[in-house]
C-alpha atoms as a PDB file:
ATOM      1  CA  MET A   1      62.988  89.639 112.601  1.00  0.00           C
ATOM      2  CA  LEU A   2      65.037  92.770 113.311  1.00  0.00           C
ATOM      3  CA  LEU A   3      64.766  92.117 117.028  1.00  0.00           C
ATOM      4  CA  ARG A   4      65.898  88.507 116.537  1.00  0.00           C
ATOM      5  CA  LYS A   5      68.911  89.643 114.568  1.00  0.00           C
ATOM      6  CA  ALA A   6      69.808  92.231 117.209  1.00  0.00           C
ATOM      7  CA  VAL A   7      70.295  89.560 119.886  1.00  0.00           C
ATOM      8  CA  PRO A   8      73.458  87.946 118.494  1.00  0.00           C
ATOM      9  CA  VAL A   9      74.859  91.297 117.417  1.00  0.00           C
ATOM     10  CA  LEU A  10      74.725  92.595 120.976  1.00  0.00           C
ATOM     11  CA  ALA A  11      76.011  89.347 122.421  1.00  0.00           C
ATOM     12  CA  LEU A  12      78.872  88.836 119.998  1.00  0.00           C
ATOM     13  CA  ALA A  13      80.164  92.319 119.347  1.00  0.00           C
ATOM     14  CA  LEU A  14      78.922  94.633 122.121  1.00  0.00           C
ATOM     15  CA  ALA A  15      77.975  96.760 119.205  1.00  0.00           C
ATOM     16  CA  THR A  16      76.952  99.810 121.160  1.00  0.00           C
ATOM     17  CA  VAL A  17      80.391 101.309 120.819  1.00  0.00           C
ATOM     18  CA  LEU A  18      80.844 105.033 120.428  1.00  0.00           C
ATOM     19  CA  ALA A  19      80.614 104.947 116.666  1.00  0.00           C
ATOM     20  CA  SER A  20      79.518 107.570 114.196  1.00  0.00           C
ATOM     21  CA  PRO A  21      76.473 106.516 112.170  1.00  0.00           C
ATOM     22  CA  ALA A  22      77.658 108.379 109.123  1.00  0.00           C
ATOM     23  CA  ALA A  23      78.492 106.199 106.139  1.00  0.00           C
ATOM     24  CA  ALA A  24      80.840 107.155 103.344  1.00  0.00           C
ATOM     25  CA  THR A  25      81.704 106.198  99.805  1.00  0.00           C
ATOM     26  CA  ALA A  26      83.218 102.840  98.991  1.00  0.00           C
ATOM     27  CA  GLU A  27      86.122 104.273  97.017  1.00  0.00           C
ATOM     28  CA  PRO A  28      89.488 104.823  98.735  1.00  0.00           C
ATOM     29  CA  VAL A  29      89.970 108.531  99.398  1.00  0.00           C
ATOM     30  CA  PRO A  30      93.489 109.949  99.759  1.00  0.00           C
ATOM     31  CA  ASP A  31      94.252 111.675 103.040  1.00  0.00           C
ATOM     32  CA  THR A  32      95.845 115.104 102.837  1.00  0.00           C
ATOM     33  CA  SER A  33      97.188 115.079 106.376  1.00  0.00           C
ATOM     34  CA  THR A  34     100.648 116.463 107.047  1.00  0.00           C
ATOM     35  CA  ALA A  35     101.949 112.949 107.673  1.00  0.00           C
ATOM     36  CA  GLY A  36     101.567 112.314 103.976  1.00  0.00           C
ATOM     37  CA  ALA A  37      99.599 109.127 104.621  1.00  0.00           C
ATOM     38  CA  ALA A  38      96.377 108.073 102.957  1.00  0.00           C
ATOM     39  CA  THR A  39      93.155 107.047 104.672  1.00  0.00           C
ATOM     40  CA  ASP A  40      89.928 105.607 103.453  1.00  0.00           C
ATOM     41  CA  ARG A  41      86.814 107.184 104.905  1.00  0.00           C
ATOM     42  CA  SER A  42      84.632 104.586 103.291  1.00  0.00           C
ATOM     43  CA  VAL A  43      82.535 101.708 104.220  1.00  0.00           C
ATOM     44  CA  LEU A  44      85.485 101.465 103.983  1.00  0.00           C
ATOM     45  CA  ALA A  45      89.237  90.675 115.696  1.00  0.00           C
ATOM     46  CA  ASP A  46      90.499  77.159 120.631  1.00  0.00           C
ATOM     47  CA  THR A  47      91.767  74.358 121.407  1.00  0.00           C
ATOM     48  CA  GLY A  48      93.439  73.522 118.177  1.00  0.00           C
ATOM     49  CA  PRO A  49      97.191  73.430 117.654  1.00  0.00           C
ATOM     50  CA  VAL A  50      98.922  76.736 118.112  1.00  0.00           C
ATOM     51  CA  GLY A  51     102.197  78.370 117.243  1.00  0.00           C
ATOM     52  CA  SER A  52     104.537  79.850 119.790  1.00  0.00           C
ATOM     53  CA  ASP A  53     103.678  82.577 122.288  1.00  0.00           C
ATOM     54  CA  LEU A  54     106.574  84.776 121.406  1.00  0.00           C
ATOM     55  CA  ALA A  55     107.862  88.032 122.815  1.00  0.00           C
ATOM     56  CA  GLY A  56     111.084  88.100 120.873  1.00  0.00           C
ATOM     57  CA  SER A  57     110.605  86.894 117.334  1.00  0.00           C
ATOM     58  CA  GLY A  58     111.839  88.754 114.303  1.00  0.00           C
ATOM     59  CA  PRO A  59     114.809  89.167 112.042  1.00  0.00           C
ATOM     60  CA  ALA A  60     118.197  88.938 113.712  1.00  0.00           C
ATOM     61  CA  GLY A  61     119.716  92.258 114.576  1.00  0.00           C
ATOM     62  CA  ALA A  62     116.451  94.209 114.475  1.00  0.00           C
ATOM     63  CA  ALA A  63     116.425  97.031 116.985  1.00  0.00           C
ATOM     64  CA  PRO A  64     113.909  96.894 119.855  1.00  0.00           C
ATOM     65  CA  ASP A  65     110.842  99.094 119.429  1.00  0.00           C
ATOM     66  CA  HIS A  66     109.042 100.414 122.473  1.00  0.00           C
ATOM     67  CA  GLY A  67     105.914 101.524 120.677  1.00  0.00           C
ATOM     68  CA  GLY A  68     105.995 105.313 120.816  1.00  0.00           C
ATOM     69  CA  ALA A  69     103.068 107.091 119.162  1.00  0.00           C
ATOM     70  CA  ALA A  70     105.108 108.793 116.437  1.00  0.00           C
ATOM     71  CA  GLY A  71     108.185 107.580 114.627  1.00  0.00           C
ATOM     72  CA  SER A  72     111.385 109.528 114.251  1.00  0.00           C
ATOM     73  CA  ALA A  73     112.075 111.502 111.092  1.00  0.00           C
ATOM     74  CA  ASP A  74     114.334 108.685 109.922  1.00  0.00           C
ATOM     75  CA  GLY A  75     111.568 106.218 110.660  1.00  0.00           C
ATOM     76  CA  LEU A  76     109.056 108.227 108.662  1.00  0.00           C
ATOM     77  CA  ARG A  77     111.414 108.358 105.695  1.00  0.00           C
ATOM     78  CA  ALA A  78     111.975 104.628 105.938  1.00  0.00           C
ATOM     79  CA  LEU A  79     108.227 104.053 105.912  1.00  0.00           C
ATOM     80  CA  ALA A  80     107.702 106.053 102.735  1.00  0.00           C
ATOM     81  CA  GLY A  81     107.944 102.805 100.784  1.00  0.00           C
ATOM     82  CA  ALA A  82     106.142 100.622 103.340  1.00  0.00           C
ATOM     83  CA  ASN A  83     103.105  98.615 102.382  1.00  0.00           C
ATOM     84  CA  PRO A  84      99.782 100.416 102.717  1.00  0.00           C
ATOM     85  CA  VAL A  85      97.885  99.233 105.801  1.00  0.00           C
ATOM     86  CA  ILE A  86      94.223  98.231 105.739  1.00  0.00           C
ATOM     87  CA  VAL A  87      92.479  98.089 109.111  1.00  0.00           C
ATOM     88  CA  VAL A  88      89.766  95.442 108.740  1.00  0.00           C
ATOM     89  CA  GLY A  89      86.876  95.908 111.131  1.00  0.00           C
ATOM     90  CA  GLY A  90      84.956  93.347 113.127  1.00  0.00           C
ATOM     91  CA  LEU A  91      81.319  92.475 113.718  1.00  0.00           C
ATOM     92  CA  SER A  92      79.184  95.620 113.981  1.00  0.00           C
ATOM     93  CA  GLY A  93      82.280  97.807 113.843  1.00  0.00           C
ATOM     94  CA  PHE A  94      81.726 101.184 112.183  1.00  0.00           C
ATOM     95  CA  ALA A  95      84.657 102.955 110.563  1.00  0.00           C
ATOM     96  CA  ALA A  96      84.799 105.521 113.368  1.00  0.00           C
ATOM     97  CA  VAL A  97      85.588 102.780 115.895  1.00  0.00           C
ATOM     98  CA  TYR A  98      88.888 102.125 114.133  1.00  0.00           C
ATOM     99  CA  GLU A  99      89.903 105.713 113.500  1.00  0.00           C
ATOM    100  CA  PRO A 100      92.070 105.931 116.698  1.00  0.00           C
ATOM    101  CA  LEU A 101      94.096 102.938 115.496  1.00  0.00           C
ATOM    102  CA  ALA A 102      94.341 104.401 111.995  1.00  0.00           C
ATOM    103  CA  ALA A 103      95.512 107.706 113.482  1.00  0.00           C
ATOM    104  CA  ARG A 104      98.339 105.976 115.369  1.00  0.00           C
ATOM    105  CA  LEU A 105      99.435 104.252 112.182  1.00  0.00           C
ATOM    106  CA  ARG A 106      99.333 107.493 110.201  1.00  0.00           C
ATOM    107  CA  ALA A 107     101.397 109.204 112.907  1.00  0.00           C
ATOM    108  CA  ASP A 108     103.986 106.463 112.374  1.00  0.00           C
ATOM    109  CA  GLY A 109     104.084 107.271 108.674  1.00  0.00           C
ATOM    110  CA  TYR A 110     101.831 104.601 107.182  1.00  0.00           C
ATOM    111  CA  ARG A 111      99.287 105.037 104.425  1.00  0.00           C
ATOM    112  CA  VAL A 112      96.112 103.743 106.025  1.00  0.00           C
ATOM    113  CA  TRP A 113      92.632 102.659 104.967  1.00  0.00           C
ATOM    114  CA  ILE A 114      89.773 101.434 107.142  1.00  0.00           C
ATOM    115  CA  TYR A 115      87.555  98.638 105.836  1.00  0.00           C
ATOM    116  CA  PRO A 116      84.380  97.978 107.871  1.00  0.00           C
ATOM    117  CA  LEU A 117      82.782  94.695 106.953  1.00  0.00           C
ATOM    118  CA  PRO A 118      79.796  94.800 104.565  1.00  0.00           C
ATOM    119  CA  ASN A 119      76.410  94.783 106.337  1.00  0.00           C
ATOM    120  CA  LEU A 120      78.230  95.235 109.657  1.00  0.00           C
ATOM    121  CA  GLY A 121      79.676  91.754 109.299  1.00  0.00           C
ATOM    122  CA  LEU A 122      76.356  89.976 109.864  1.00  0.00           C
ATOM    123  CA  GLY A 123      76.483  88.046 106.600  1.00  0.00           C
ATOM    124  CA  ASP A 124      78.519  85.193 105.192  1.00  0.00           C
ATOM    125  CA  ILE A 125      82.231  85.592 105.989  1.00  0.00           C
ATOM    126  CA  THR A 126      83.160  84.225 102.579  1.00  0.00           C
ATOM    127  CA  THR A 127      81.124  86.982 100.903  1.00  0.00           C
ATOM    128  CA  SER A 128      82.814  89.601 103.077  1.00  0.00           C
ATOM    129  CA  ALA A 129      86.182  88.141 102.053  1.00  0.00           C
ATOM    130  CA  GLY A 130      85.265  88.588  98.393  1.00  0.00           C
ATOM    131  CA  SER A 131      84.473  92.231  99.064  1.00  0.00           C
ATOM    132  CA  LEU A 132      87.795  92.634 100.877  1.00  0.00           C
ATOM    133  CA  ARG A 133      89.587  91.219  97.838  1.00  0.00           C
ATOM    134  CA  GLY A 134      88.034  93.940  95.685  1.00  0.00           C
ATOM    135  CA  PHE A 135      88.954  96.619  98.196  1.00  0.00           C
ATOM    136  CA  VAL A 136      92.562  95.437  98.402  1.00  0.00           C
ATOM    137  CA  GLY A 137      92.692  95.635  94.627  1.00  0.00           C
ATOM    138  CA  GLN A 138      91.499  99.250  94.741  1.00  0.00           C
ATOM    139  CA  VAL A 139      94.123 100.204  97.319  1.00  0.00           C
ATOM    140  CA  ARG A 140      96.917  98.517  95.364  1.00  0.00           C
ATOM    141  CA  ALA A 141      95.810 100.218  92.153  1.00  0.00           C
ATOM    142  CA  SER A 142      95.577 103.661  93.759  1.00  0.00           C
ATOM    143  CA  THR A 143      98.962 103.398  95.499  1.00  0.00           C
ATOM    144  CA  GLY A 144     100.940 101.295  93.040  1.00  0.00           C
ATOM    145  CA  ALA A 145     101.883  98.994  95.920  1.00  0.00           C
ATOM    146  CA  ALA A 146     102.567  95.342  95.186  1.00  0.00           C
ATOM    147  CA  LYS A 147     101.269  94.285  98.610  1.00  0.00           C
ATOM    148  CA  VAL A 148      99.290  95.581 101.557  1.00  0.00           C
ATOM    149  CA  ASP A 149      99.447  94.750 105.260  1.00  0.00           C
ATOM    150  CA  LEU A 150      96.254  93.806 107.108  1.00  0.00           C
ATOM    151  CA  VAL A 151      95.502  94.674 110.746  1.00  0.00           C
ATOM    152  CA  ALA A 152      92.234  92.903 111.478  1.00  0.00           C
ATOM    153  CA  HIS A 153      89.982  93.021 114.528  1.00  0.00           C
ATOM    154  CA  SER A 154      87.767  90.150 115.667  1.00  0.00           C
ATOM    155  CA  GLU A 155      85.692  88.722 112.779  1.00  0.00           C
ATOM    156  CA  GLY A 156      87.815  90.799 110.401  1.00  0.00           C
ATOM    157  CA  GLY A 157      90.673  88.406 111.056  1.00  0.00           C
ATOM    158  CA  LEU A 158      88.607  85.473 109.778  1.00  0.00           C
ATOM    159  CA  VAL A 159      87.542  87.459 106.720  1.00  0.00           C
ATOM    160  CA  SER A 160      91.195  88.304 106.054  1.00  0.00           C
ATOM    161  CA  ARG A 161      92.354  84.708 106.537  1.00  0.00           C
ATOM    162  CA  TYR A 162      89.740  83.394 104.146  1.00  0.00           C
ATOM    163  CA  TYR A 163      90.795  85.986 101.568  1.00  0.00           C
ATOM    164  CA  ILE A 164      94.456  85.027 101.925  1.00  0.00           C
ATOM    165  CA  LYS A 165      93.881  81.275 101.935  1.00  0.00           C
ATOM    166  CA  ASN A 166      91.135  80.887  99.358  1.00  0.00           C
ATOM    167  CA  LEU A 167      90.868  84.020  97.211  1.00  0.00           C
ATOM    168  CA  GLY A 168      94.450  84.662  96.150  1.00  0.00           C
ATOM    169  CA  GLY A 169      95.274  87.096  98.934  1.00  0.00           C
ATOM    170  CA  GLY A 170      98.583  85.423  99.654  1.00  0.00           C
ATOM    171  CA  ASP A 171     100.056  87.208  96.658  1.00  0.00           C
ATOM    172  CA  ALA A 172      98.719  90.596  97.758  1.00  0.00           C
ATOM    173  CA  VAL A 173      99.325  90.584 101.533  1.00  0.00           C
ATOM    174  CA  GLY A 174     102.698  91.010 103.192  1.00  0.00           C
ATOM    175  CA  ARG A 175     101.738  90.961 106.874  1.00  0.00           C
ATOM    176  CA  TYR A 176      98.669  89.821 108.764  1.00  0.00           C
ATOM    177  CA  VAL A 177      98.025  91.005 112.323  1.00  0.00           C
ATOM    178  CA  SER A 178      94.838  89.848 114.046  1.00  0.00           C
ATOM    179  CA  LEU A 179      93.415  91.357 117.236  1.00  0.00           C
ATOM    180  CA  GLY A 180      91.120  89.119 119.249  1.00  0.00           C
ATOM    181  CA  THR A 181      90.051  86.982 116.288  1.00  0.00           C
ATOM    182  CA  PRO A 182      88.242  83.716 117.137  1.00  0.00           C
ATOM    183  CA  GLN A 183      90.453  81.685 114.810  1.00  0.00           C
ATOM    184  CA  TYR A 184      89.072  78.443 116.219  1.00  0.00           C
ATOM    185  CA  GLY A 185      85.674  79.804 117.245  1.00  0.00           C
ATOM    186  CA  THR A 186      84.235  81.106 120.493  1.00  0.00           C
ATOM    187  CA  TYR A 187      81.877  79.640 123.061  1.00  0.00           C
ATOM    188  CA  VAL A 188      80.096  82.997 123.076  1.00  0.00           C
ATOM    189  CA  ALA A 189      78.824  82.256 119.576  1.00  0.00           C
ATOM    190  CA  ASN A 190      77.853  78.743 120.691  1.00  0.00           C
ATOM    191  CA  ILE A 191      75.829  80.218 123.553  1.00  0.00           C
ATOM    192  CA  VAL A 192      74.131  82.678 121.217  1.00  0.00           C
ATOM    193  CA  ALA A 193      73.430  79.835 118.812  1.00  0.00           C
ATOM    194  CA  PHE A 194      71.792  77.940 121.682  1.00  0.00           C
ATOM    195  CA  LEU A 195      69.707  80.956 122.662  1.00  0.00           C
ATOM    196  CA  GLY A 196      68.761  81.341 119.012  1.00  0.00           C
ATOM    197  CA  LEU A 197      67.572  77.710 119.006  1.00  0.00           C
ATOM    198  CA  GLY A 198      70.627  76.591 117.083  1.00  0.00           C
ATOM    199  CA  SER A 199      70.494  79.203 114.346  1.00  0.00           C
ATOM    200  CA  CYS A 200      72.092  82.303 115.952  1.00  0.00           C
ATOM    201  CA  ALA A 201      68.757  83.965 115.102  1.00  0.00           C
ATOM    202  CA  GLY A 202      69.681  83.742 111.459  1.00  0.00           C
ATOM    203  CA  VAL A 203      72.959  85.669 111.656  1.00  0.00           C
ATOM    204  CA  VAL A 204      75.300  83.732 109.375  1.00  0.00           C
ATOM    205  CA  ALA A 205      78.571  85.121 110.787  1.00  0.00           C
ATOM    206  CA  CYS A 206      77.526  84.032 114.274  1.00  0.00           C
ATOM    207  CA  GLN A 207      76.867  80.524 112.996  1.00  0.00           C
ATOM    208  CA  GLN A 208      80.271  80.459 111.316  1.00  0.00           C
ATOM    209  CA  MET A 209      82.098  81.573 114.468  1.00  0.00           C
ATOM    210  CA  THR A 210      80.719  78.802 116.658  1.00  0.00           C
ATOM    211  CA  ILE A 211      83.303  76.267 117.758  1.00  0.00           C
ATOM    212  CA  GLY A 212      83.215  73.288 115.424  1.00  0.00           C
ATOM    213  CA  SER A 213      81.323  75.058 112.640  1.00  0.00           C
ATOM    214  CA  PRO A 214      81.777  73.731 109.087  1.00  0.00           C
ATOM    215  CA  PHE A 215      83.208  77.107 108.077  1.00  0.00           C
ATOM    216  CA  LEU A 216      85.959  76.994 110.710  1.00  0.00           C
ATOM    217  CA  ALA A 217      86.674  73.322 110.059  1.00  0.00           C
ATOM    218  CA  ALA A 218      87.352  74.141 106.419  1.00  0.00           C
ATOM    219  CA  LEU A 219      89.306  77.330 107.160  1.00  0.00           C
ATOM    220  CA  ASN A 220      91.540  75.562 109.683  1.00  0.00           C
ATOM    221  CA  ALA A 221      92.131  72.449 107.595  1.00  0.00           C
ATOM    222  CA  GLY A 222      95.754  72.138 106.554  1.00  0.00           C
ATOM    223  CA  ASP A 223      98.204  75.000 107.001  1.00  0.00           C
ATOM    224  CA  ASP A 224      97.045  77.805 109.318  1.00  0.00           C
ATOM    225  CA  THR A 225      99.541  80.230 107.815  1.00  0.00           C
ATOM    226  CA  PRO A 226      99.824  79.654 104.055  1.00  0.00           C
ATOM    227  CA  GLY A 227     102.036  81.585 101.654  1.00  0.00           C
ATOM    228  CA  ASP A 228     104.768  84.122 102.311  1.00  0.00           C
ATOM    229  CA  VAL A 229     102.631  86.235 104.650  1.00  0.00           C
ATOM    230  CA  ARG A 230     104.103  87.108 108.074  1.00  0.00           C
ATOM    231  CA  TRP A 231     101.413  86.047 110.543  1.00  0.00           C
ATOM    232  CA  THR A 232     100.898  87.609 113.978  1.00  0.00           C
ATOM    233  CA  THR A 233      97.997  87.170 116.404  1.00  0.00           C
ATOM    234  CA  VAL A 234      97.311  89.265 119.499  1.00  0.00           C
ATOM    235  CA  ARG A 235      95.005  88.205 122.315  1.00  0.00           C
ATOM    236  CA  THR A 236      94.124  89.238 125.860  1.00  0.00           C
ATOM    237  CA  ARG A 237      93.025  87.276 128.917  1.00  0.00           C
ATOM    238  CA  GLN A 238      90.154  89.713 129.486  1.00  0.00           C
ATOM    239  CA  ASP A 239      88.564  89.187 126.068  1.00  0.00           C
ATOM    240  CA  GLU A 240      84.825  88.993 126.718  1.00  0.00           C
ATOM    241  CA  LEU A 241      83.930  87.658 123.288  1.00  0.00           C
ATOM    242  CA  VAL A 242      86.656  85.141 122.439  1.00  0.00           C
ATOM    243  CA  ARG A 243      86.427  82.268 124.883  1.00  0.00           C
ATOM    244  CA  PRO A 244      88.636  80.429 125.437  1.00  0.00           C
ATOM    245  CA  VAL A 245      91.104  83.178 124.651  1.00  0.00           C
ATOM    246  CA  ASP A 246      93.667  80.740 123.234  1.00  0.00           C
ATOM    247  CA  ASN A 247      91.285  80.176 120.325  1.00  0.00           C
ATOM    248  CA  ALA A 248      92.651  83.470 119.026  1.00  0.00           C
ATOM    249  CA  THR A 249      95.979  81.823 118.117  1.00  0.00           C
ATOM    250  CA  LEU A 250      97.283  80.192 114.944  1.00  0.00           C
ATOM    251  CA  ALA A 251      99.654  77.280 114.408  1.00  0.00           C
ATOM    252  CA  ASP A 252     102.291  76.633 111.751  1.00  0.00           C
ATOM    253  CA  GLY A 253     104.789  79.340 112.578  1.00  0.00           C
ATOM    254  CA  ALA A 254     102.570  82.253 113.536  1.00  0.00           C
ATOM    255  CA  THR A 255     103.776  84.677 116.185  1.00  0.00           C
ATOM    256  CA  ASN A 256     101.104  84.493 118.894  1.00  0.00           C
ATOM    257  CA  VAL A 257     101.199  87.281 121.463  1.00  0.00           C
ATOM    258  CA  LEU A 258      99.309  87.198 124.755  1.00  0.00           C
ATOM    259  CA  ILE A 259      99.437  90.731 126.156  1.00  0.00           C
ATOM    260  CA  GLN A 260      99.497  89.544 129.777  1.00  0.00           C
ATOM    261  CA  SER A 261     102.396  87.134 129.201  1.00  0.00           C
ATOM    262  CA  ARG A 262     104.693  90.166 129.244  1.00  0.00           C
ATOM    263  CA  CYS A 263     102.392  92.690 130.956  1.00  0.00           C
ATOM    264  CA  PRO A 264     100.422  90.703 133.580  1.00  0.00           C
ATOM    265  CA  LEU A 265      98.750  93.780 135.077  1.00  0.00           C
ATOM    266  CA  ARG A 266      97.537  95.148 131.746  1.00  0.00           C
ATOM    267  CA  VAL A 267      93.746  94.970 131.486  1.00  0.00           C
ATOM    268  CA  VAL A 268      92.512  94.928 127.879  1.00  0.00           C
ATOM    269  CA  GLY A 269      89.059  93.928 126.695  1.00  0.00           C
ATOM    270  CA  HIS A 270      87.930  92.798 123.248  1.00  0.00           C
ATOM    271  CA  LEU A 271      87.254  96.273 121.863  1.00  0.00           C
ATOM    272  CA  GLY A 272      90.163  97.633 123.904  1.00  0.00           C
ATOM    273  CA  LEU A 273      92.572  95.778 121.618  1.00  0.00           C
ATOM    274  CA  VAL A 274      91.820  98.482 119.042  1.00  0.00           C
ATOM    275  CA  THR A 275      92.717 101.413 121.305  1.00  0.00           C
ATOM    276  CA  ASP A 276      95.196  99.989 123.824  1.00  0.00           C
ATOM    277  CA  GLY A 277      98.741 101.375 123.712  1.00  0.00           C
ATOM    278  CA  THR A 278     100.442  98.107 124.651  1.00  0.00           C
ATOM    279  CA  THR A 279      98.575  96.326 121.870  1.00  0.00           C
ATOM    280  CA  TYR A 280      99.600  99.040 119.450  1.00  0.00           C
ATOM    281  CA  SER A 281     103.242  98.558 120.379  1.00  0.00           C
ATOM    282  CA  VAL A 282     102.901  94.934 119.228  1.00  0.00           C
ATOM    283  CA  ILE A 283     101.168  95.973 115.997  1.00  0.00           C
ATOM    284  CA  ARG A 284     103.910  98.487 115.302  1.00  0.00           C
ATOM    285  CA  GLN A 285     106.668  95.961 115.832  1.00  0.00           C
ATOM    286  CA  ALA A 286     104.917  93.306 113.735  1.00  0.00           C
ATOM    287  CA  LEU A 287     104.495  95.692 110.804  1.00  0.00           C
ATOM    288  CA  ARG A 288     108.213  96.533 110.981  1.00  0.00           C
ATOM    289  CA  ASP A 289     109.342  92.897 111.307  1.00  0.00           C
ATOM    290  CA  GLN A 290     110.905  93.713 114.661  1.00  0.00           C
ATOM    291  CA  PRO A 291     111.149  91.525 117.773  1.00  0.00           C
ATOM    292  CA  VAL A 292     107.849  91.544 119.660  1.00  0.00           C
ATOM    293  CA  ASN A 293     108.396  93.288 122.968  1.00  0.00           C
ATOM    294  CA  PRO A 294     105.103  94.739 124.284  1.00  0.00           C
ATOM    295  CA  ALA A 295     105.430  98.161 125.914  1.00  0.00           C
ATOM    296  CA  CYS A 296     103.536  97.607 129.152  1.00  0.00           C
ATOM    297  CA  LEU A 297     103.164 101.296 130.063  1.00  0.00           C
ATOM    298  CA  ALA A 298     102.264 102.582 126.602  1.00  0.00           C
ATOM    299  CA  LEU A 299      99.207 104.815 126.487  1.00  0.00           C
END
């Protein structure tokens, strides 16, 4: 049974990433770094209608942002009242995988928590979304913030969308940024489902991420981008796990960013969306409501 369950994990998530096996407590733990941010070391990323591929959306008059690693002193002061940011992990993603992204955000002045999915994201996405709702509540209570921003990788983007759409998250989330999330499913999951004789070897999340699954049909029924949340999706042509790559987009007013539409020579894989400098420049701009202008040479 363990061997059967390992097949879709390896196929869907390339789970042998350089991750620390150490687990931590489920309570948010304040970070005492000099940036004054907070991090959580706990257990605690289609063929449907899409929005616009946009490299210039945002409030009028917003200054361009070229995605440097650290903000200016003025920028750090401005971010003192910014929403806390929760980095929501993907399938088989340990907390350590997302620490480089969290470190960039902390360097820019954000209070940051990392939320790996329960049971490595193998279980029911709706159950994971319920756990995320509880975690968001903890972060809001510990910080006094009215809302949080979510930066979600792969399956974490589906968990976050379900939370926002069906579990009251629209009142608690200000910005949603997904990285390589199979919003409309992925043929990779369909292939794994076929190899697993139609059952994805019993891995529920794999079943739910197949194109045409009942879960995705329900999630994508009606408005893709409900509420007052600012929705941004990021995708890359070289994504090994989201095929076709345009299934990582959302309709109904979302800002959909294809890295290679502005930076055609930039090579970014599925996991690379978490560590890539150009991708981070988009995340940074989205969290600041600035025009999206990917920095092609960012490290």
